[in-house]
Amino acid sequence: MVLNGEINEFDIIIIGGGATGAGTARDCSLRGMRVLLVERFDFAAGATGRNHGLLHSGARYAVTDRESAAECIKENMILRKIARHCVEENGGLFISLPEDDLSYQNLFVESCRAAGINAQVIDPAEARLIEPSVNSAITGAVKVPDGSIDPFRLTLANVIDAKAHGAKVLVYHEVTALIQDRGSIVGVTVFNHKTKTEHNYYAPLTINAGGIWGHGIAAKAGIRVDMFPAKGSLLIFGHRINNVVLNRCRKPANADILVPGDTICLIGTTSSRVGFDEVDDVRVTSEEVDLLLSEGEKLAPALATTRILRAYAGVRPLVAADNDPSGRNISRGIVLLDHEIRDGVAGFVTITGGKLMTYRLMAEWATNLACKKLGIDKPCTTMNEPLPGSRLEEGRSDGKQVTTDQPKRSSVGRHGEMAARIASESKYDNSLVCECEDVTVGEVNYAVNELDVHNLIDLRRRTRVGMGTCQGELCACRAAGLLGEAHNCSQKAKNDLASFLNERWKGLYPVAWGEALRESEYTQWVYSGVCGME
């Protein structure tokens, strides 16, 4: 059906623009379905964009959750092939400190190998050579195939491919109701946060991939999905002190992973239960900062003198267990709920649990079920099909070659072969908007024009503008100027700058910098066009 020039009937509607929702949209699109992906804010705005960016070998859960560990290592190896532009193959070390039980190392290695994870015991002296920043007092070390992965690039690559195969994607559209007809879910009502209007979209099947918010989405159909909102807080430091992922060789606990990524490193995480009324505005407490620092220094003493850039927190989409107040012992396994069988409500499926590392497998499970329900007989190909940005070299119109084997800090590293779409022919195109992250005018314009960028926060997720050492103090005005120019709206750009700076400082500093800047003469001067690009 077409209403007001817009198609509102699909084969499948997917709620949630995190990695799982984006991956499901891609898989469904590749199998020929007419797909609608709906996200209430921006891609990767929830738990997907608020984790430690670990390319998980599964070793962390080998002792306590072997099934999840086995899933992680298999998906780890797949992502190294299909998402090369999102991955840094750093390697990982699980270290034992004098306060740790060294005998745990034997159980750890045995459990890793049983799960299919290549874990090798090495001499502590060799570990110190591999990673000079590690605590020199280590008493044991194990090498594992950990790495780093950029969740924003990963999610966006799935969205790009879904759209290339016909999917319709709506960001800043919130599902306010599930449309029911004779006991079946037949569509959704969404609220457009930009236009402040409501629209209905219809499909024989709706997949709930809302993460921790999936609990509330299911409730709109009168269905109970018991979730455990487990908050995890992290700290990002101003530069990389380690090039190998460092883990504590013990049962999962607070602040036992130090992950390098792009230009920074980060320590995480904590785990504490929060209320559903808090998941939209989780804050990092001073106690959590102290804990992350004190425990992090045990992994790498240099953290004690390294500048903290920012703190942030996410909420894990765990399935509830009454006997675990922290959520540490809840399985990270995948949960796929067919509500027709479970609750007598047809046309509705929930995919939840899991981890960023298993998003592709989660999407495969959900899409397999969708195919079964819709009578589609097409196999999954996402384990072999490279994502946009991680495909073979492609020639540019100017004869240049673009490959994913570039430093991740460059635009080519961030976008892989998609960087061929970034203008770089003029001095202006190559001018730097963000010196910390080497983001050019051409890259900003590409993101604004082709990657669903509506504000500075979106732009930060697409290009890393403002993620570096200056935290947006030097580049935010330039980026907002370009964004305002693209949208022909200088006031919007000014407000976006305010939101951007509030987001950056929220958690560590209570001062509302954005509100102050909105009234500053300097900001008005910049957005009047006097300052321009430098």
Protein backbone atom coordinates (compact mmCIF):
# COMPACT_ATOMS: atom_id res chain seq x y z
CA MET A 1 0.00 0.00 0.00
CA VAL A 2 1.17 3.55 -0.76
CA LEU A 3 -0.06 6.43 1.38
CA ASN A 4 1.01 10.00 0.62
CA GLY A 5 3.66 8.63 -1.71
CA GLU A 6 5.17 6.34 0.95
CA ILE A 7 5.09 2.55 0.98
CA ASN A 8 3.82 1.31 4.33
CA GLU A 9 3.60 -2.46 3.77
CA PHE A 10 6.59 -4.78 4.22
CA ASP A 11 7.40 -8.44 4.71
CA ILE A 12 9.11 -7.78 8.00
CA ILE A 13 9.52 -4.92 10.48
CA ILE A 14 12.58 -4.86 12.74
CA ILE A 15 12.57 -2.69 15.86
CA GLY A 16 16.00 -1.55 17.07
CA GLY A 17 19.00 -0.07 15.26
CA GLY A 18 21.77 -1.67 17.28
CA ALA A 19 24.08 -4.31 15.85
CA THR A 20 21.49 -7.09 16.19
CA GLY A 21 18.69 -5.12 14.52
CA ALA A 22 20.98 -3.86 11.77
CA GLY A 23 22.39 -7.35 11.23
CA THR A 24 18.89 -8.81 11.06
CA ALA A 25 17.84 -6.16 8.54
CA ARG A 26 20.85 -7.06 6.41
CA ASP A 27 20.24 -10.81 6.59
CA CYS A 28 16.53 -10.46 5.80
CA SER A 29 17.28 -8.13 2.89
CA LEU A 30 19.88 -10.50 1.47
CA ARG A 31 17.24 -13.23 1.50
CA GLY A 32 14.85 -11.12 -0.55
CA MET A 33 12.47 -9.76 2.07
CA ARG A 34 10.98 -6.27 1.99
CA VAL A 35 12.40 -4.87 5.23
CA LEU A 36 11.63 -1.89 7.44
CA LEU A 37 14.15 -1.10 10.20
CA VAL A 38 12.91 1.33 12.86
CA GLU A 39 15.19 3.00 15.44
CA ARG A 40 13.94 5.55 17.97
CA PHE A 41 17.24 7.46 18.07
CA ASP A 42 20.41 6.74 16.07
CA PHE A 43 22.21 3.54 15.10
CA ALA A 44 24.24 2.00 17.94
CA ALA A 45 22.82 4.48 20.45
CA GLY A 46 22.20 1.78 23.07
CA ALA A 47 24.36 -1.05 24.39
CA THR A 48 25.99 -1.57 20.96
CA GLY A 49 27.75 1.78 21.19
CA ARG A 50 28.40 1.63 24.93
CA ASN A 51 30.66 -1.37 25.40
CA HIS A 52 34.42 -1.89 25.44
CA GLY A 53 34.77 -2.66 21.72
CA LEU A 54 36.37 -6.03 22.42
CA LEU A 55 36.75 -8.49 19.54
CA HIS A 56 35.85 -11.21 21.98
CA SER A 57 37.67 -14.53 21.76
CA GLY A 58 35.19 -15.96 24.25
CA ALA A 59 37.99 -16.71 26.70
CA ARG A 60 36.45 -14.49 29.37
CA TYR A 61 33.47 -16.83 29.64
CA ALA A 62 35.18 -20.15 28.92
CA VAL A 63 35.02 -21.29 32.54
CA THR A 64 31.57 -20.00 33.47
CA ASP A 65 29.62 -20.13 30.17
CA ARG A 66 31.20 -22.50 27.64
CA GLU A 67 28.34 -22.29 25.14
CA SER A 68 28.68 -18.51 24.87
CA ALA A 69 32.46 -18.81 24.69
CA ALA A 70 32.21 -21.24 21.76
CA GLU A 71 29.80 -18.89 19.95
CA CYS A 72 32.14 -15.95 20.51
CA ILE A 73 35.26 -17.59 19.06
CA LYS A 74 33.39 -18.76 15.96
CA GLU A 75 31.95 -15.29 15.35
CA ASN A 76 35.34 -13.72 16.14
CA MET A 77 36.87 -15.59 13.22
CA ILE A 78 33.96 -14.71 10.91
CA LEU A 79 34.20 -10.99 11.70
CA ARG A 80 37.92 -10.98 10.95
CA LYS A 81 36.93 -11.96 7.40
CA ILE A 82 33.72 -10.05 6.74
CA ALA A 83 34.37 -6.86 8.77
CA ARG A 84 38.10 -6.23 8.34
CA HIS A 85 37.71 -2.45 8.29
CA CYS A 86 36.10 -2.61 11.73
CA VAL A 87 38.71 -4.89 13.32
CA GLU A 88 42.17 -4.53 14.84
CA GLU A 89 43.83 -7.91 15.31
CA ASN A 90 45.68 -6.95 18.48
CA GLY A 91 45.79 -10.26 20.28
CA GLY A 92 45.08 -10.64 23.97
CA LEU A 93 46.76 -11.61 27.22
CA PHE A 94 45.10 -13.03 30.32
CA ILE A 95 47.45 -12.22 33.18
CA SER A 96 47.69 -13.43 36.76
CA LEU A 97 48.83 -11.05 39.51
CA PRO A 98 50.30 -12.03 42.89
CA GLU A 99 46.86 -11.59 44.47
CA ASP A 100 45.26 -14.00 41.96
CA ASP A 101 45.05 -17.77 42.34
CA LEU A 102 47.60 -19.03 39.78
CA SER A 103 46.02 -22.48 39.79
CA TYR A 104 42.98 -20.93 38.08
CA GLN A 105 45.15 -20.59 34.96
CA ASN A 106 45.08 -24.35 34.34
CA LEU A 107 41.27 -24.48 34.56
CA PHE A 108 41.08 -21.41 32.32
CA VAL A 109 43.28 -22.89 29.58
CA GLU A 110 41.48 -26.25 29.67
CA SER A 111 38.10 -24.51 29.40
CA CYS A 112 39.28 -22.32 26.52
CA ARG A 113 40.53 -25.29 24.53
CA ALA A 114 37.30 -27.21 25.19
CA ALA A 115 35.40 -24.24 23.70
CA GLY A 116 37.65 -24.13 20.64
CA ILE A 117 39.72 -21.13 21.75
CA ASN A 118 43.45 -21.21 21.07
CA ALA A 119 44.89 -20.40 24.53
CA GLN A 120 48.67 -20.65 24.99
CA VAL A 121 50.48 -20.37 28.31
CA ILE A 122 53.57 -18.17 27.98
CA ASP A 123 56.30 -17.08 30.36
CA PRO A 124 55.60 -13.79 32.19
CA ALA A 125 58.86 -12.41 30.78
CA GLU A 126 57.59 -13.02 27.24
CA ALA A 127 54.31 -11.33 28.12
CA ARG A 128 56.22 -8.24 29.27
CA LEU A 129 58.04 -8.16 25.93
CA ILE A 130 54.77 -8.50 24.00
CA GLU A 131 53.11 -5.75 26.04
CA PRO A 132 55.53 -3.42 27.88
CA SER A 133 52.70 -1.60 29.68
CA VAL A 134 51.61 -4.71 31.58
CA ASN A 135 52.18 -4.87 35.32
CA SER A 136 55.74 -6.15 35.77
CA ALA A 137 54.66 -8.17 38.83
CA ILE A 138 52.62 -10.67 36.79
CA THR A 139 53.01 -14.30 37.81
CA GLY A 140 51.30 -15.92 34.81
CA ALA A 141 50.15 -15.15 31.28
CA VAL A 142 48.02 -16.77 28.57
CA LYS A 143 47.79 -15.65 24.92
CA VAL A 144 44.31 -15.64 23.33
CA PRO A 145 42.93 -14.37 19.98
CA ASP A 146 41.26 -11.22 21.33
CA GLY A 147 41.23 -7.95 19.40
CA SER A 148 39.37 -4.66 19.03
CA ILE A 149 36.29 -3.87 16.98
CA ASP A 150 34.51 -0.59 16.26
CA PRO A 151 30.79 -1.14 16.99
CA PHE A 152 29.74 2.04 15.19
CA ARG A 153 31.45 1.07 11.92
CA LEU A 154 30.15 -2.47 12.27
CA THR A 155 26.54 -1.44 12.76
CA LEU A 156 26.66 1.14 9.98
CA ALA A 157 28.16 -1.34 7.52
CA ASN A 158 25.21 -3.66 8.14
CA VAL A 159 22.78 -0.77 7.62
CA ILE A 160 24.49 0.26 4.38
CA ASP A 161 24.24 -3.26 2.99
CA ALA A 162 20.62 -3.66 4.10
CA LYS A 163 19.71 -0.43 2.31
CA ALA A 164 21.65 -1.53 -0.77
CA HIS A 165 19.40 -4.60 -0.89
CA GLY A 166 16.19 -2.61 -0.62
CA ALA A 167 15.61 -2.13 3.11
CA LYS A 168 13.90 1.03 4.31
CA VAL A 169 15.52 2.53 7.39
CA LEU A 170 13.92 5.06 9.74
CA VAL A 171 15.98 6.70 12.48
CA TYR A 172 14.49 8.97 15.13
CA HIS A 173 11.25 7.03 14.75
CA GLU A 174 9.95 5.48 17.98
CA VAL A 175 7.51 2.58 18.09
CA THR A 176 4.62 3.75 20.25
CA ALA A 177 2.24 0.84 19.64
CA LEU A 178 2.07 -2.64 18.15
CA ILE A 179 -0.95 -2.95 15.87
CA GLN A 180 -2.99 -6.07 16.67
CA ASP A 181 -5.65 -7.86 14.69
CA ARG A 182 -7.37 -10.96 16.03
CA GLY A 183 -4.49 -11.94 18.29
CA SER A 184 -1.72 -11.23 15.80
CA ILE A 185 0.76 -8.36 15.51
CA VAL A 186 0.24 -6.92 12.02
CA GLY A 187 2.25 -3.71 12.21
CA VAL A 188 3.58 -0.83 14.27
CA THR A 189 2.70 2.77 14.99
CA VAL A 190 5.77 5.01 15.04
CA PHE A 191 6.32 8.57 16.20
CA ASN A 192 8.66 10.68 14.06
CA HIS A 193 10.73 12.71 16.52
CA LYS A 194 11.73 15.16 13.79
CA THR A 195 8.31 16.00 12.35
CA LYS A 196 6.31 15.15 15.51
CA THR A 197 3.91 13.03 13.44
CA GLU A 198 2.70 9.42 13.70
CA HIS A 199 2.57 6.80 10.96
CA ASN A 200 1.46 3.16 10.70
CA TYR A 201 3.50 0.46 8.96
CA TYR A 202 2.33 -3.10 8.34
CA ALA A 203 3.99 -6.50 7.99
CA PRO A 204 3.04 -10.11 8.77
CA LEU A 205 6.04 -10.37 11.12
CA THR A 206 7.69 -7.93 13.52
CA ILE A 207 11.03 -8.69 15.16
CA ASN A 208 11.81 -7.07 18.49
CA ALA A 209 15.57 -6.38 18.57
CA GLY A 210 15.34 -3.55 21.09
CA GLY A 211 17.97 -4.78 23.54
CA ILE A 212 17.15 -3.83 27.11
CA TRP A 213 14.23 -1.79 25.73
CA GLY A 214 12.81 -5.00 24.24
CA HIS A 215 11.15 -5.56 27.61
CA GLY A 216 8.97 -2.48 27.09
CA ILE A 217 8.37 -3.19 23.39
CA ALA A 218 7.01 -6.65 24.20
CA ALA A 219 4.81 -5.16 26.91
CA LYS A 220 2.96 -3.18 24.22
CA ALA A 221 1.55 -6.54 23.10
CA GLY A 222 0.80 -7.63 26.65
CA ILE A 223 3.82 -9.95 26.63
CA ARG A 224 6.28 -10.26 29.51
CA VAL A 225 9.97 -10.65 28.70
CA ASP A 226 11.93 -10.67 31.95
CA MET A 227 15.10 -8.66 31.44
CA PHE A 228 17.93 -7.85 33.84
CA PRO A 229 19.18 -4.26 33.37
CA ALA A 230 22.88 -4.66 34.21
CA LYS A 231 24.74 -1.37 33.96
CA GLY A 232 28.38 -1.45 32.93
CA SER A 233 30.58 1.65 33.32
CA LEU A 234 33.83 2.33 31.45
CA LEU A 235 36.60 4.92 31.29
CA ILE A 236 38.36 6.09 28.12
CA PHE A 237 41.95 7.36 28.35
CA GLY A 238 43.66 9.97 26.22
CA HIS A 239 46.04 7.69 24.34
CA ARG A 240 46.87 4.04 23.85
CA ILE A 241 49.15 2.78 26.58
CA ASN A 242 48.71 -0.83 25.45
CA ASN A 243 48.58 -2.45 22.00
CA VAL A 244 47.46 -5.88 23.25
CA VAL A 245 44.14 -6.46 25.03
CA LEU A 246 44.86 -7.08 28.71
CA ASN A 247 42.57 -9.23 30.86
CA ARG A 248 42.74 -10.56 34.41
CA CYS A 249 42.93 -14.35 34.53
CA ARG A 250 40.15 -14.89 37.05
CA LYS A 251 36.39 -15.27 37.07
CA PRO A 252 34.70 -12.22 35.43
CA ALA A 253 34.79 -9.25 37.79
CA ASN A 254 34.90 -5.46 37.77
CA ALA A 255 37.53 -3.56 35.79
CA ASP A 256 39.42 -6.55 34.44
CA ILE A 257 39.71 -5.67 30.73
CA LEU A 258 41.92 -2.95 29.19
CA VAL A 259 41.17 -2.61 25.46
CA PRO A 260 43.15 -0.53 22.92
CA GLY A 261 41.17 0.95 20.05
CA ASP A 262 41.87 3.62 17.45
CA THR A 263 43.69 6.43 19.30
CA ILE A 264 42.67 5.50 22.87
CA CYS A 265 42.39 2.70 25.38
CA LEU A 266 39.57 1.97 27.80
CA ILE A 267 39.07 0.10 31.05
CA GLY A 268 35.88 -1.75 31.90
CA THR A 269 33.55 -2.76 33.12
CA THR A 270 31.47 -2.64 36.26
CA SER A 271 28.22 -4.56 36.68
CA SER A 272 25.28 -3.45 38.79
CA ARG A 273 21.55 -3.79 38.49
CA VAL A 274 19.59 -0.63 37.70
CA GLY A 275 15.89 0.04 37.36
CA PHE A 276 14.12 0.19 34.02
CA ASP A 277 13.38 3.82 34.79
CA GLU A 278 17.14 4.51 34.67
CA VAL A 279 18.15 2.82 31.40
CA ASP A 280 17.58 5.96 29.30
CA ASP A 281 19.93 8.04 31.42
CA VAL A 282 22.57 5.87 33.10
CA ARG A 283 25.34 7.83 34.78
CA VAL A 284 28.83 6.89 35.88
CA THR A 285 29.31 7.43 39.61
CA SER A 286 32.45 8.69 41.32
CA GLU A 287 32.67 5.36 43.16
CA GLU A 288 32.73 3.50 39.84
CA VAL A 289 35.45 5.81 38.52
CA ASP A 290 37.56 5.12 41.62
CA LEU A 291 37.03 1.37 41.25
CA LEU A 292 37.90 1.35 37.53
CA LEU A 293 41.07 3.35 38.18
CA SER A 294 42.27 1.34 41.17
CA GLU A 295 41.69 -2.01 39.45
CA GLY A 296 42.89 -0.77 36.07
CA GLU A 297 46.23 0.33 37.49
CA LYS A 298 46.81 -3.28 38.53
CA LEU A 299 46.66 -4.33 34.87
CA ALA A 300 48.78 -1.43 33.60
CA PRO A 301 50.32 0.93 36.19
CA ALA A 302 50.64 3.72 33.59
CA LEU A 303 46.90 4.32 33.88
CA ALA A 304 47.60 6.14 37.14
CA THR A 305 49.20 9.01 35.21
CA THR A 306 47.16 8.87 32.00
CA ARG A 307 44.52 11.49 31.30
CA ILE A 308 40.89 10.34 31.38
CA LEU A 309 38.95 11.64 28.38
CA ARG A 310 35.46 10.55 29.33
CA ALA A 311 33.31 8.05 31.16
CA TYR A 312 30.20 6.32 29.88
CA ALA A 313 27.87 3.45 30.73
CA GLY A 314 25.64 1.01 28.91
CA VAL A 315 22.98 -1.48 29.95
CA ARG A 316 23.37 -5.13 28.98
CA PRO A 317 20.26 -6.89 27.56
CA LEU A 318 20.42 -9.89 29.88
CA VAL A 319 17.59 -12.27 30.60
CA ALA A 320 16.69 -12.03 34.29
CA ALA A 321 17.75 -14.42 37.03
CA ASP A 322 16.48 -13.77 40.55
CA ASN A 323 19.51 -15.22 42.34
CA ASP A 324 22.18 -12.97 40.75
CA PRO A 325 22.10 -9.35 41.95
CA SER A 326 25.03 -8.23 39.73
CA GLY A 327 24.21 -10.11 36.53
CA ARG A 328 27.74 -11.53 36.35
CA ASN A 329 26.53 -15.13 36.37
CA ILE A 330 23.73 -14.74 33.81
CA SER A 331 24.50 -16.51 30.56
CA ARG A 332 25.49 -14.30 27.62
CA GLY A 333 23.77 -16.84 25.40
CA ILE A 334 21.28 -15.94 22.67
CA VAL A 335 17.57 -15.90 23.48
CA LEU A 336 15.09 -16.20 20.57
CA LEU A 337 11.42 -16.06 21.56
CA ASP A 338 8.66 -17.05 19.16
CA HIS A 339 5.71 -15.36 20.83
CA GLU A 340 3.20 -17.33 18.77
CA ILE A 341 4.38 -20.52 20.50
CA ARG A 342 5.33 -18.96 23.83
CA ASP A 343 2.47 -16.50 24.35
CA GLY A 344 -0.15 -17.19 21.70
CA VAL A 345 0.59 -13.90 19.91
CA ALA A 346 1.34 -14.49 16.22
CA GLY A 347 3.44 -12.21 14.03
CA PHE A 348 5.90 -11.28 16.78
CA VAL A 349 9.42 -12.48 17.65
CA THR A 350 12.01 -11.25 20.18
CA ILE A 351 15.76 -11.70 19.74
CA THR A 352 17.82 -10.73 22.80
CA GLY A 353 20.70 -11.73 25.08
CA GLY A 354 24.00 -12.47 23.39
CA LYS A 355 26.87 -10.04 22.94
CA LEU A 356 28.16 -7.64 20.30
CA MET A 357 30.43 -10.46 19.17
CA THR A 358 27.46 -12.72 18.41
CA TYR A 359 25.23 -10.13 16.71
CA ARG A 360 25.57 -11.84 13.30
CA LEU A 361 24.60 -15.22 14.71
CA MET A 362 21.65 -13.64 16.52
CA ALA A 363 20.54 -12.09 13.24
CA GLU A 364 20.90 -15.45 11.50
CA TRP A 365 18.71 -17.18 14.09
CA ALA A 366 16.04 -14.47 13.88
CA THR A 367 16.09 -14.46 10.07
CA ASN A 368 15.90 -18.26 9.90
CA LEU A 369 12.74 -18.10 11.99
CA ALA A 370 11.36 -15.30 9.81
CA CYS A 371 11.99 -17.39 6.69
CA LYS A 372 10.21 -20.35 8.25
CA LYS A 373 7.18 -18.24 9.12
CA LEU A 374 7.03 -16.47 5.76
CA GLY A 375 7.67 -19.58 3.66
CA ILE A 376 11.03 -18.39 2.29
CA ASP A 377 13.64 -20.99 1.39
CA LYS A 378 16.93 -19.10 1.15
CA PRO A 379 20.07 -19.87 3.16
CA CYS A 380 22.04 -17.40 5.27
CA THR A 381 25.12 -15.99 3.51
CA THR A 382 26.26 -13.36 6.04
CA MET A 383 29.07 -15.55 7.39
CA ASN A 384 30.79 -15.36 3.99
CA GLU A 385 29.61 -12.08 2.42
CA PRO A 386 31.99 -9.22 3.35
CA LEU A 387 30.39 -6.06 4.64
CA PRO A 388 30.66 -2.77 2.74
CA GLY A 389 34.06 -1.37 3.66
CA SER A 390 35.67 -4.81 3.88
CA ARG A 391 35.43 -5.91 0.27
CA LEU A 392 38.27 -6.32 -2.19
CA GLU A 393 40.12 -3.35 -3.60
CA GLU A 394 38.04 -1.23 -5.91
CA GLY A 395 39.37 1.36 -8.34
CA ARG A 396 38.35 4.98 -7.98
CA SER A 397 37.33 7.14 -10.89
CA ASP A 398 40.66 8.94 -10.59
CA GLY A 399 42.57 5.67 -10.90
CA LYS A 400 43.51 5.47 -7.20
CA GLN A 401 43.14 2.19 -5.35
CA VAL A 402 41.40 1.87 -2.01
CA THR A 403 41.87 -1.03 0.38
CA THR A 404 40.89 -1.86 3.95
CA ASP A 405 44.53 -2.52 4.83
CA GLN A 406 45.04 1.09 5.94
CA PRO A 407 45.49 2.63 9.40
CA LYS A 408 42.10 2.67 11.09
CA ARG A 409 42.69 6.30 12.00
CA SER A 410 42.44 7.44 8.36
CA SER A 411 39.20 7.89 6.43
CA VAL A 412 40.16 4.86 4.33
CA GLY A 413 40.67 2.81 7.46
CA ARG A 414 37.30 3.92 8.80
CA HIS A 415 35.35 3.34 5.59
CA GLY A 416 37.41 0.80 3.64
CA GLU A 417 36.61 0.74 -0.07
CA MET A 418 33.62 3.04 0.65
CA ALA A 419 36.21 5.82 1.06
CA ALA A 420 36.17 6.07 -2.74
CA ARG A 421 32.98 8.08 -2.23
CA ILE A 422 34.77 10.71 -0.11
CA ALA A 423 35.72 13.84 -2.03
CA SER A 424 39.47 14.47 -1.84
CA GLU A 425 40.29 16.35 -5.03
CA SER A 426 40.56 19.87 -3.57
CA LYS A 427 42.49 21.48 -0.77
CA TYR A 428 39.18 22.31 0.89
CA ASP A 429 37.98 18.68 0.77
CA ASN A 430 41.23 17.58 2.42
CA SER A 431 41.13 20.27 5.13
CA LEU A 432 40.97 18.80 8.61
CA VAL A 433 37.83 19.30 10.65
CA CYS A 434 39.17 17.14 13.50
CA GLU A 435 42.96 17.01 13.91
CA CYS A 436 42.82 14.41 16.68
CA GLU A 437 41.12 11.82 14.47
CA ASP A 438 42.17 13.02 10.98
CA VAL A 439 38.62 13.75 9.84
CA THR A 440 38.44 15.86 6.69
CA VAL A 441 35.79 18.14 5.23
CA GLY A 442 35.24 15.54 2.52
CA GLU A 443 34.59 12.81 5.09
CA VAL A 444 32.15 14.98 7.05
CA ASN A 445 30.25 15.86 3.87
CA TYR A 446 30.13 12.19 2.84
CA ALA A 447 28.73 11.22 6.24
CA VAL A 448 26.15 14.03 6.23
CA ASN A 449 25.00 13.29 2.69
CA GLU A 450 25.00 9.48 2.69
CA LEU A 451 25.09 8.06 6.22
CA ASP A 452 21.89 9.29 7.91
CA VAL A 453 23.55 12.05 9.93
CA HIS A 454 21.06 14.38 11.61
CA ASN A 455 23.18 16.00 14.33
CA LEU A 456 26.69 16.14 15.76
CA ILE A 457 26.24 13.05 17.90
CA ASP A 458 25.39 11.06 14.76
CA LEU A 459 28.43 12.55 13.04
CA ARG A 460 30.66 11.53 15.94
CA ARG A 461 29.51 7.92 15.55
CA ARG A 462 30.17 7.95 11.79
CA THR A 463 33.58 9.66 11.72
CA ARG A 464 34.98 9.92 15.29
CA VAL A 465 34.77 13.73 15.21
CA GLY A 466 35.25 14.87 18.80
CA MET A 467 36.31 11.47 20.14
CA GLY A 468 39.98 12.39 20.38
CA THR A 469 42.12 14.31 22.82
CA CYS A 470 40.35 17.67 22.57
CA GLN A 471 36.93 16.05 23.08
CA GLY A 472 35.30 18.36 20.57
CA GLU A 473 36.63 21.66 21.92
CA LEU A 474 38.55 22.39 18.72
CA CYS A 475 36.48 20.61 16.10
CA ALA A 476 32.86 20.85 17.28
CA CYS A 477 32.37 24.37 15.93
CA ARG A 478 33.81 23.43 12.55
CA ALA A 479 31.74 20.25 12.31
CA ALA A 480 28.56 22.01 13.41
CA GLY A 481 29.21 24.71 10.81
CA LEU A 482 29.38 22.10 8.05
CA LEU A 483 26.31 20.32 9.40
CA GLY A 484 24.38 23.57 9.63
CA GLU A 485 25.41 24.45 6.08
CA ALA A 486 24.28 21.05 4.80
CA HIS A 487 20.91 21.42 6.53
CA ASN A 488 20.72 25.15 5.79
CA CYS A 489 20.06 25.78 9.45
CA SER A 490 22.58 27.67 11.56
CA GLN A 491 20.36 27.58 14.67
CA LYS A 492 20.11 23.81 14.39
CA ALA A 493 23.89 23.60 14.19
CA LYS A 494 24.20 25.77 17.29
CA ASN A 495 21.80 23.55 19.23
CA ASP A 496 23.56 20.44 17.98
CA LEU A 497 26.85 21.81 19.32
CA ALA A 498 25.23 22.31 22.71
CA SER A 499 23.87 18.76 22.74
CA PHE A 500 27.21 17.39 21.58
CA LEU A 501 29.18 19.06 24.38
CA ASN A 502 26.62 18.11 27.00
CA GLU A 503 26.91 14.48 25.87
CA ARG A 504 30.71 14.58 26.02
CA TRP A 505 30.88 15.97 29.54
CA LYS A 506 27.85 14.18 31.01
CA GLY A 507 28.84 11.78 33.75
CA LEU A 508 32.17 13.26 34.82
CA TYR A 509 31.15 16.91 35.06
CA PRO A 510 27.72 18.21 36.06
CA VAL A 511 28.16 21.59 34.35
CA ALA A 512 25.82 22.05 31.37
CA TRP A 513 28.44 23.43 29.00
CA GLY A 514 26.03 23.41 26.08
CA GLU A 515 23.57 25.75 27.73
CA ALA A 516 26.35 28.23 28.44
CA LEU A 517 27.66 28.03 24.88
CA ARG A 518 24.26 28.65 23.34
CA GLU A 519 24.38 32.18 24.71
CA SER A 520 28.05 32.87 24.12
CA GLU A 521 29.05 35.58 21.68
CA TYR A 522 31.80 33.34 20.31
CA THR A 523 29.37 30.60 19.29
CA GLN A 524 27.04 33.11 17.64
CA TRP A 525 30.05 34.52 15.79
CA VAL A 526 31.12 31.09 14.56
CA TYR A 527 27.67 30.22 13.27
CA SER A 528 27.17 33.56 11.62
CA GLY A 529 29.86 32.33 9.19
CA VAL A 530 32.57 34.79 10.26
CA CYS A 531 34.90 32.12 11.61
CA GLY A 532 34.55 29.60 8.78
CA MET A 533 36.94 26.73 8.23
CA GLU A 534 40.56 27.03 9.25
